[in-house]
Amino acid sequence: MIDLRALREDPERLRASQRARGEDETVVDTLLDLDGRRRSALSSFERLRAEQKSFGKSVSKAQGEERQKLLARAKELAQQVKDAEAEADRLGAELDALLKSVPNLVEDGTPPGGEQDFVVLEHVGEPPSFDFEPKDHLELGESLGAIDTERGAKVSGARFYYLTGVGARLQLALLNLAMEQAVESGFTPMYPPVLVKPEAMEGTGFLGAHAAEVYQLPADDLYLVGTSEVPLAAYHMNEIISDLPRRYVAWSSCFRREAGSYGKDTRGIIRVHQFDKVEMFSYCDPADSHAEHLRLLEWEKEMLAKVELPYRVIDVAAGDLGASAARKYDCEAWLPTQHTYREVTSTSNCTEFQARRLAVRYRDADGRNQPVATLNGTLATTRWIVAILENHQQADGSVRVPKALQKYLGQEVLEPVKR
């Protein structure tokens, strides 16, 4: 949630942010109008309540007919106080609901525009050159006995799958490597719940425009998380924390309905309903959030180097940011059979947006409680298997294992299984 006080001081900043996102900037005027009317209603309520208290003393001293007149006025005043309080509460609830619908202020320097308006910051590594026709990840995965989408669909429906044999071992190797790197970098490892309460899901900003992508269990009033960002952001909900930054890394299963994406990437395991992910999460002083964001990106790049993937880094355009993000960098690995780059990591600086909604605070140098900044970043996920198989394939259908993963798998090459 954006800072209302900052909005009053500099409304043009939110207008500019809304324009960059392609959102309605007139919401700024609506917010300021509601805020003004709510503050006026609160002033009226406080003035009337003060008058009521003062009036009560006059009633206690009066007698006879004068007392009756004062009692009638006291009754009238009590109703006015009640009405003024109700009006202030109504306007406050309306303002709060509108504030929760407004996305975070984008960071200065974020590219304006939509999904295709990202800016490429760098290319790392060279896409492989094959002297044979490369196979896609599903064909490779099936021949290696690593991926089974047919039985996944039979058991659970479209966009589900089994990782089998070396596929399961490859995922475990990849995620263990990610956890090992994060712990060596000072992160506290976590295994979080994947079912959360509505206040956790709403507090992180996932029940707005993208609510249709979230799995809900109405009977239990719980949600399945699409990323461990949610339980990690809510871990310190309603707390005052110290010793910033606090860095956590979580391994969890993630669930996404992928609403509105039918017909896209239905082959294989690129866009699926369930996957595993290792996620970094940081709480820090807001003044340090930009630098912390760049640190998370560097850790992602370090992990991509270990699995020897060619990739590019993009600065995501404002209109393609989630509601909570002020800025986001994606790393996109090269997919030989698609002749393009596809997202494998994402890191977002959510500034104080989530912390303000979740009431996660720290004490500043003056001893005042202030919202922290929250940041998140992918360190490895199931989708990486797609890029690893395709980029490291060999002419005979085998796949070379990146050196960093060999100690987990105990082999240098994944060989096709004999059927």
Protein backbone atom coordinates (compact mmCIF):
# COMPACT_ATOMS: atom_id res chain seq x y z
CA MET A 1 0.00 0.00 0.00
CA ILE A 2 1.33 3.42 -0.90
CA ASP A 3 2.13 6.04 1.75
CA LEU A 4 -0.82 8.42 2.08
CA ARG A 5 1.28 11.15 3.63
CA ALA A 6 3.75 11.00 0.73
CA LEU A 7 0.80 11.17 -1.67
CA ARG A 8 -0.40 14.41 -0.09
CA GLU A 9 3.08 15.91 -0.32
CA ASP A 10 3.81 14.87 -3.91
CA PRO A 11 0.72 13.68 -5.83
CA GLU A 12 2.48 14.13 -9.17
CA ARG A 13 4.79 11.23 -8.35
CA LEU A 14 1.85 8.82 -8.22
CA ARG A 15 0.37 10.34 -11.38
CA ALA A 16 3.67 9.73 -13.19
CA SER A 17 3.83 6.17 -11.84
CA GLN A 18 0.29 5.43 -12.99
CA ARG A 19 1.06 6.80 -16.46
CA ALA A 20 4.19 4.65 -16.70
CA ARG A 21 2.15 1.57 -15.79
CA GLY A 22 -0.63 2.47 -18.22
CA GLU A 23 -3.05 2.82 -15.29
CA ASP A 24 -5.67 5.47 -14.57
CA GLU A 25 -4.00 8.55 -13.08
CA THR A 26 -7.32 10.14 -12.07
CA VAL A 27 -7.25 7.79 -9.07
CA VAL A 28 -4.89 10.36 -7.52
CA ASP A 29 -7.59 13.02 -7.47
CA THR A 30 -10.12 10.52 -6.11
CA LEU A 31 -7.73 9.54 -3.32
CA LEU A 32 -6.98 13.15 -2.39
CA ASP A 33 -10.70 13.99 -2.39
CA LEU A 34 -11.54 11.00 -0.19
CA ASP A 35 -8.65 11.78 2.13
CA GLY A 36 -9.77 15.39 2.45
CA ARG A 37 -13.36 14.43 3.19
CA ARG A 38 -12.30 11.78 5.70
CA ARG A 39 -10.03 14.23 7.54
CA SER A 40 -12.85 16.80 7.56
CA ALA A 41 -15.26 14.17 8.91
CA LEU A 42 -12.77 13.23 11.63
CA SER A 43 -12.40 16.89 12.60
CA SER A 44 -16.18 17.26 12.82
CA PHE A 45 -16.42 14.12 14.92
CA GLU A 46 -13.70 15.26 17.32
CA ARG A 47 -15.21 18.75 17.58
CA LEU A 48 -18.68 17.37 18.29
CA ARG A 49 -17.35 14.85 20.81
CA ALA A 50 -15.47 17.61 22.65
CA GLU A 51 -18.66 19.69 22.67
CA GLN A 52 -20.58 16.68 23.97
CA LYS A 53 -18.19 16.21 26.88
CA SER A 54 -18.32 19.90 27.74
CA PHE A 55 -22.09 19.96 27.39
CA GLY A 56 -22.41 17.03 29.79
CA LYS A 57 -21.00 19.18 32.59
CA SER A 58 -23.61 21.89 31.92
CA VAL A 59 -26.44 19.34 32.10
CA SER A 60 -25.27 18.05 35.46
CA LYS A 61 -25.47 21.56 36.93
CA ALA A 62 -28.84 22.57 35.43
CA GLN A 63 -32.26 22.15 37.05
CA GLY A 64 -35.91 22.24 36.12
CA GLU A 65 -37.02 23.35 32.64
CA GLU A 66 -33.50 24.39 31.67
CA ARG A 67 -32.27 20.88 32.45
CA GLN A 68 -34.95 19.37 30.19
CA LYS A 69 -33.91 21.64 27.32
CA LEU A 70 -30.27 20.74 27.86
CA LEU A 71 -31.10 17.02 27.98
CA ALA A 72 -32.91 17.30 24.65
CA ARG A 73 -29.90 19.09 23.17
CA ALA A 74 -27.59 16.45 24.67
CA LYS A 75 -29.61 13.73 22.96
CA GLU A 76 -29.44 15.62 19.67
CA LEU A 77 -25.70 16.13 20.11
CA ALA A 78 -25.16 12.43 20.87
CA GLN A 79 -26.82 11.53 17.57
CA GLN A 80 -24.67 14.06 15.73
CA VAL A 81 -21.53 12.53 17.28
CA LYS A 82 -22.70 9.06 16.27
CA ASP A 83 -23.44 10.19 12.71
CA ALA A 84 -20.10 12.02 12.40
CA GLU A 85 -18.20 8.94 13.60
CA ALA A 86 -20.09 6.71 11.17
CA GLU A 87 -19.31 9.09 8.28
CA ALA A 88 -15.61 9.19 9.19
CA ASP A 89 -15.53 5.37 9.41
CA ARG A 90 -17.34 5.02 6.07
CA LEU A 91 -14.96 7.38 4.31
CA GLY A 92 -11.98 5.69 5.99
CA ALA A 93 -13.08 2.26 4.76
CA GLU A 94 -13.66 3.62 1.25
CA LEU A 95 -10.24 5.29 1.24
CA ASP A 96 -8.54 2.14 2.55
CA ALA A 97 -10.17 -0.04 -0.12
CA LEU A 98 -9.12 2.34 -2.89
CA LEU A 99 -5.56 2.58 -1.51
CA LYS A 100 -5.29 -1.22 -1.58
CA SER A 101 -6.24 -1.25 -5.26
CA VAL A 102 -3.47 1.17 -6.25
CA PRO A 103 -0.16 -0.46 -7.30
CA ASN A 104 3.20 0.49 -5.88
CA LEU A 105 5.04 3.58 -7.08
CA VAL A 106 7.52 2.58 -9.76
CA GLU A 107 11.17 3.31 -9.09
CA ASP A 108 12.78 6.16 -11.02
CA GLY A 109 14.45 4.80 -14.14
CA THR A 110 11.96 1.99 -14.70
CA PRO A 111 11.07 1.75 -18.41
CA PRO A 112 7.49 2.91 -19.13
CA GLY A 113 5.13 0.80 -21.23
CA GLY A 114 3.87 -2.76 -21.39
CA GLU A 115 5.13 -6.33 -21.67
CA GLN A 116 7.21 -5.74 -24.80
CA ASP A 117 8.78 -2.48 -23.62
CA PHE A 118 11.48 -4.00 -21.40
CA VAL A 119 15.09 -2.85 -21.70
CA VAL A 120 17.87 -5.41 -22.17
CA LEU A 121 20.65 -4.60 -19.70
CA GLU A 122 23.16 -7.27 -20.68
CA HIS A 123 23.75 -10.58 -22.43
CA VAL A 124 25.79 -13.23 -20.63
CA GLY A 125 27.24 -16.22 -22.47
CA GLU A 126 26.78 -17.33 -26.05
CA PRO A 127 23.82 -19.42 -27.26
CA PRO A 128 25.07 -22.88 -28.24
CA SER A 129 25.68 -23.72 -31.88
CA PHE A 130 24.63 -27.27 -32.81
CA ASP A 131 25.70 -29.25 -35.86
CA PHE A 132 22.51 -31.28 -35.51
CA GLU A 133 18.80 -30.48 -35.17
CA PRO A 134 18.27 -29.82 -31.45
CA LYS A 135 15.41 -31.50 -29.62
CA ASP A 136 13.07 -29.64 -27.31
CA HIS A 137 13.08 -30.30 -23.57
CA LEU A 138 10.07 -32.61 -23.63
CA GLU A 139 11.47 -34.89 -26.32
CA LEU A 140 14.79 -34.98 -24.45
CA GLY A 141 13.06 -35.47 -21.10
CA GLU A 142 11.00 -38.38 -22.37
CA SER A 143 14.00 -40.13 -23.96
CA LEU A 144 15.99 -39.68 -20.74
CA GLY A 145 13.13 -41.07 -18.65
CA ALA A 146 13.03 -37.69 -16.87
CA ILE A 147 9.62 -36.15 -17.71
CA ASP A 148 6.22 -37.81 -18.04
CA THR A 149 3.44 -35.39 -19.01
CA GLU A 150 1.02 -38.05 -20.27
CA ARG A 151 0.63 -39.69 -16.89
CA GLY A 152 0.62 -36.25 -15.22
CA ALA A 153 -2.41 -35.33 -17.32
CA LYS A 154 -4.02 -38.72 -16.69
CA VAL A 155 -3.74 -38.32 -12.93
CA SER A 156 -4.18 -34.56 -12.44
CA GLY A 157 -5.15 -32.95 -15.76
CA ALA A 158 -3.48 -30.61 -18.23
CA ARG A 159 -0.28 -28.84 -17.20
CA PHE A 160 0.66 -31.43 -14.61
CA TYR A 161 3.60 -33.82 -14.97
CA TYR A 162 5.85 -36.31 -13.26
CA LEU A 163 9.57 -35.79 -12.93
CA THR A 164 10.93 -39.33 -12.98
CA GLY A 165 14.34 -40.95 -12.58
CA VAL A 166 17.06 -38.48 -13.51
CA GLY A 167 14.40 -35.76 -13.88
CA ALA A 168 13.56 -35.96 -10.19
CA ARG A 169 17.26 -36.20 -9.31
CA LEU A 170 18.07 -33.20 -11.54
CA GLN A 171 15.48 -31.05 -9.79
CA LEU A 172 16.75 -32.08 -6.36
CA ALA A 173 20.32 -31.34 -7.46
CA LEU A 174 19.37 -27.93 -8.82
CA LEU A 175 17.40 -26.83 -5.78
CA ASN A 176 19.99 -28.19 -3.35
CA LEU A 177 22.68 -26.22 -5.19
CA ALA A 178 20.55 -23.08 -4.86
CA MET A 179 19.95 -23.62 -1.14
CA GLU A 180 23.65 -24.29 -0.59
CA GLN A 181 24.62 -21.06 -2.33
CA ALA A 182 22.07 -19.01 -0.38
CA VAL A 183 23.13 -20.41 2.99
CA GLU A 184 26.79 -19.73 2.15
CA SER A 185 25.74 -16.14 1.33
CA GLY A 186 24.19 -15.68 4.78
CA PHE A 187 20.53 -16.50 4.13
CA THR A 188 18.50 -18.33 6.78
CA PRO A 189 16.97 -21.46 5.17
CA MET A 190 13.21 -21.94 5.51
CA TYR A 191 10.64 -24.55 4.60
CA PRO A 192 7.41 -22.49 4.72
CA PRO A 193 3.71 -23.39 4.68
CA VAL A 194 2.15 -23.32 1.22
CA LEU A 195 -1.38 -22.69 2.51
CA VAL A 196 -1.89 -19.17 3.87
CA LYS A 197 -4.68 -17.01 5.30
CA PRO A 198 -6.35 -14.28 3.21
CA GLU A 199 -4.55 -11.50 5.08
CA ALA A 200 -1.17 -12.97 4.06
CA MET A 201 -2.18 -13.30 0.41
CA GLU A 202 -3.81 -9.87 0.28
CA GLY A 203 -0.95 -8.27 2.21
CA THR A 204 1.58 -9.31 -0.40
CA GLY A 205 -0.60 -7.95 -3.22
CA PHE A 206 -1.73 -11.19 -4.87
CA LEU A 207 -5.50 -10.76 -4.50
CA GLY A 208 -5.83 -7.83 -6.88
CA ALA A 209 -5.62 -8.03 -10.65
CA HIS A 210 -4.08 -11.53 -10.53
CA ALA A 211 -6.50 -13.10 -8.05
CA ALA A 212 -7.81 -15.41 -10.79
CA GLU A 213 -4.41 -17.14 -10.90
CA VAL A 214 -4.56 -18.11 -7.21
CA TYR A 215 -5.95 -21.44 -5.99
CA GLN A 216 -8.42 -20.97 -3.13
CA LEU A 217 -9.82 -23.46 -0.62
CA PRO A 218 -13.12 -21.79 0.37
CA ALA A 219 -14.05 -24.40 2.97
CA ASP A 220 -10.90 -23.59 4.93
CA ASP A 221 -10.55 -19.91 3.95
CA LEU A 222 -6.99 -20.59 2.82
CA TYR A 223 -4.99 -20.02 -0.37
CA LEU A 224 -2.29 -22.09 -2.06
CA VAL A 225 0.74 -19.91 -2.68
CA GLY A 226 2.14 -19.29 -6.15
CA THR A 227 5.50 -18.36 -4.62
CA SER A 228 7.05 -18.62 -1.14
CA GLU A 229 7.34 -14.84 -1.31
CA VAL A 230 3.90 -14.86 0.32
CA PRO A 231 4.65 -16.81 3.53
CA LEU A 232 8.08 -15.16 3.79
CA ALA A 233 6.61 -11.64 3.53
CA ALA A 234 4.01 -12.54 6.16
CA TYR A 235 6.54 -14.23 8.47
CA HIS A 236 7.06 -10.99 10.43
CA MET A 237 3.50 -9.70 9.97
CA ASN A 238 2.46 -7.33 12.81
CA GLU A 239 6.00 -7.28 14.20
CA ILE A 240 8.73 -4.74 14.83
CA ILE A 241 12.03 -6.24 13.73
CA SER A 242 15.66 -5.24 14.18
CA ASP A 243 19.07 -6.28 12.86
CA LEU A 244 18.34 -5.40 9.24
CA PRO A 245 18.76 -6.75 6.67
CA ARG A 246 17.00 -10.04 7.41
CA ARG A 247 17.53 -12.52 4.57
CA TYR A 248 15.62 -15.77 4.21
CA VAL A 249 15.64 -18.45 1.53
CA ALA A 250 12.76 -20.89 1.14
CA TRP A 251 12.23 -24.13 -0.75
CA SER A 252 8.58 -24.77 -1.50
CA SER A 253 6.09 -26.16 -3.96
CA CYS A 254 4.18 -23.42 -5.77
CA PHE A 255 0.74 -23.50 -7.38
CA ARG A 256 -0.70 -21.30 -10.14
CA ARG A 257 -3.95 -21.60 -12.02
CA GLU A 258 -2.41 -19.90 -15.08
CA ALA A 259 -5.79 -18.32 -15.78
CA GLY A 260 -5.97 -16.64 -19.16
CA SER A 261 -2.90 -18.43 -20.53
CA TYR A 262 -4.63 -21.32 -22.29
CA GLY A 263 -2.93 -22.29 -25.52
CA LYS A 264 0.40 -20.82 -24.38
CA ASP A 265 3.37 -23.08 -23.66
CA THR A 266 1.16 -26.13 -23.19
CA ARG A 267 3.92 -28.48 -24.33
CA GLY A 268 6.23 -29.76 -21.62
CA ILE A 269 6.90 -28.07 -18.30
CA ILE A 270 7.37 -24.39 -19.16
CA ARG A 271 4.01 -23.12 -17.90
CA VAL A 272 2.50 -25.53 -15.38
CA HIS A 273 0.16 -25.54 -12.38
CA GLN A 274 2.66 -26.91 -9.86
CA PHE A 275 6.42 -26.53 -9.56
CA ASP A 276 9.16 -26.26 -6.95
CA LYS A 277 11.18 -23.14 -6.34
CA VAL A 278 13.95 -21.76 -4.14
CA GLU A 279 13.14 -18.14 -3.33
CA MET A 280 15.27 -15.45 -1.68
CA PHE A 281 13.55 -12.85 0.48
CA SER A 282 14.97 -9.78 2.19
CA TYR A 283 13.72 -7.27 4.76
CA CYS A 284 15.87 -4.14 4.80
CA ASP A 285 16.00 -0.44 5.55
CA PRO A 286 14.10 1.34 2.72
CA ALA A 287 17.14 3.54 2.10
CA ASP A 288 19.11 0.39 1.23
CA SER A 289 16.49 -1.31 -0.95
CA HIS A 290 17.94 -0.30 -4.33
CA ALA A 291 21.37 -1.67 -3.44
CA GLU A 292 19.81 -4.79 -1.94
CA HIS A 293 17.88 -5.35 -5.17
CA LEU A 294 21.11 -5.35 -7.16
CA ARG A 295 22.63 -7.82 -4.68
CA LEU A 296 19.73 -10.24 -5.22
CA LEU A 297 20.24 -9.95 -8.98
CA GLU A 298 23.94 -10.76 -8.59
CA TRP A 299 23.11 -13.89 -6.58
CA GLU A 300 20.74 -14.99 -9.36
CA LYS A 301 23.45 -14.43 -11.96
CA GLU A 302 25.92 -16.41 -9.85
CA MET A 303 23.52 -19.35 -9.82
CA LEU A 304 22.95 -19.17 -13.59
CA ALA A 305 26.70 -19.22 -14.14
CA LYS A 306 26.95 -22.43 -12.11
CA VAL A 307 24.52 -24.25 -14.43
CA GLU A 308 26.30 -22.77 -17.46
CA LEU A 309 23.32 -21.16 -19.18
CA PRO A 310 23.43 -18.30 -21.69
CA TYR A 311 21.00 -15.61 -20.62
CA ARG A 312 20.09 -11.95 -20.76
CA VAL A 313 19.02 -9.55 -18.01
CA ILE A 314 16.03 -7.29 -18.64
CA ASP A 315 14.64 -4.27 -16.82
CA VAL A 316 10.91 -5.01 -16.83
CA ALA A 317 8.64 -2.20 -18.03
CA ALA A 318 6.29 -0.53 -15.55
CA GLY A 319 3.13 -1.87 -17.18
CA ASP A 320 4.38 -5.45 -16.77
CA LEU A 321 5.17 -5.13 -13.05
CA GLY A 322 3.07 -6.81 -10.43
CA ALA A 323 1.09 -4.56 -8.11
CA SER A 324 3.66 -4.82 -5.32
CA ALA A 325 6.81 -4.25 -7.36
CA ALA A 326 8.48 -0.87 -7.74
CA ARG A 327 11.06 -2.39 -10.07
CA LYS A 328 11.82 -5.86 -11.41
CA TYR A 329 14.76 -7.47 -13.18
CA ASP A 330 14.32 -10.77 -15.01
CA CYS A 331 17.01 -13.17 -16.15
CA GLU A 332 15.94 -15.00 -19.29
CA ALA A 333 17.75 -18.14 -20.45
CA TRP A 334 18.19 -18.98 -24.11
CA LEU A 335 15.96 -21.81 -25.42
CA PRO A 336 17.49 -23.22 -28.61
CA THR A 337 14.31 -24.80 -29.96
CA GLN A 338 12.28 -21.62 -29.48
CA HIS A 339 15.09 -19.34 -30.74
CA THR A 340 14.34 -16.92 -27.94
CA TYR A 341 15.01 -16.10 -24.30
CA ARG A 342 12.55 -17.21 -21.60
CA GLU A 343 12.31 -16.06 -17.99
CA VAL A 344 14.03 -18.26 -15.41
CA THR A 345 14.55 -15.78 -12.57
CA SER A 346 12.83 -12.65 -11.37
CA THR A 347 13.77 -10.25 -8.59
CA SER A 348 11.50 -7.45 -7.36
CA ASN A 349 11.97 -4.50 -5.05
CA CYS A 350 8.61 -3.99 -3.35
CA THR A 351 9.88 -1.05 -1.25
CA GLU A 352 7.52 -0.49 1.74
CA PHE A 353 4.37 -1.52 -0.17
CA GLN A 354 3.95 -5.01 1.33
CA ALA A 355 5.32 -4.09 4.75
CA ARG A 356 2.81 -1.27 5.12
CA ARG A 357 -0.06 -3.69 4.41
CA LEU A 358 1.40 -6.42 6.66
CA ALA A 359 2.51 -4.04 9.44
CA VAL A 360 6.16 -5.13 9.38
CA ARG A 361 8.18 -2.30 10.92
CA TYR A 362 11.61 -1.35 12.26
CA ARG A 363 12.76 1.46 14.55
CA ASP A 364 14.61 4.22 12.75
CA ALA A 365 17.51 6.26 14.17
CA ASP A 366 15.01 8.55 15.93
CA GLY A 367 13.22 5.61 17.58
CA ARG A 368 10.14 5.86 15.37
CA ASN A 369 8.45 2.77 13.96
CA GLN A 370 8.64 2.76 10.16
CA PRO A 371 7.73 0.15 7.51
CA VAL A 372 10.65 -1.91 6.22
CA ALA A 373 11.35 -2.59 2.55
CA THR A 374 10.78 -6.11 1.21
CA LEU A 375 12.47 -7.74 -1.78
CA ASN A 376 12.31 -11.16 -3.40
CA GLY A 377 14.25 -13.12 -6.00
CA THR A 378 14.16 -16.56 -7.64
CA LEU A 379 17.28 -18.65 -7.15
CA ALA A 380 16.15 -21.81 -8.96
CA THR A 381 12.91 -23.41 -10.11
CA THR A 382 11.60 -26.40 -12.05
CA ARG A 383 11.57 -24.39 -15.29
CA TRP A 384 15.38 -24.32 -15.24
CA ILE A 385 15.31 -27.99 -16.25
CA VAL A 386 13.94 -26.86 -19.63
CA ALA A 387 16.95 -24.65 -20.33
CA ILE A 388 19.48 -27.10 -18.90
CA LEU A 389 18.27 -29.98 -21.08
CA GLU A 390 18.06 -27.93 -24.27
CA ASN A 391 21.34 -26.03 -23.95
CA HIS A 392 23.46 -28.99 -22.82
CA GLN A 393 22.10 -31.63 -25.21
CA GLN A 394 24.40 -33.64 -27.45
CA ALA A 395 23.98 -35.21 -30.88
CA ASP A 396 23.27 -38.72 -29.51
CA GLY A 397 20.37 -37.46 -27.36
CA SER A 398 22.40 -37.40 -24.15
CA VAL A 399 22.67 -34.28 -21.98
CA ARG A 400 25.86 -32.97 -20.42
CA VAL A 401 25.52 -32.26 -16.69
CA PRO A 402 26.86 -28.83 -15.64
CA LYS A 403 29.90 -29.31 -13.44
CA ALA A 404 28.29 -27.70 -10.37
CA LEU A 405 25.49 -30.28 -10.45
CA GLN A 406 27.68 -33.34 -10.97
CA LYS A 407 28.43 -33.81 -7.27
CA TYR A 408 24.69 -34.14 -6.59
CA LEU A 409 23.91 -36.42 -9.54
CA GLY A 410 27.09 -38.47 -9.44
CA GLN A 411 27.39 -38.46 -13.22
CA GLU A 412 28.68 -36.20 -15.97
CA VAL A 413 26.19 -37.16 -18.68
CA LEU A 414 22.49 -38.09 -18.69
CA GLU A 415 21.96 -40.94 -21.15
CA PRO A 416 18.76 -41.89 -22.99
CA VAL A 417 17.06 -44.90 -21.39
CA LYS A 418 16.62 -48.10 -23.35
CA ARG A 419 12.96 -49.00 -23.82
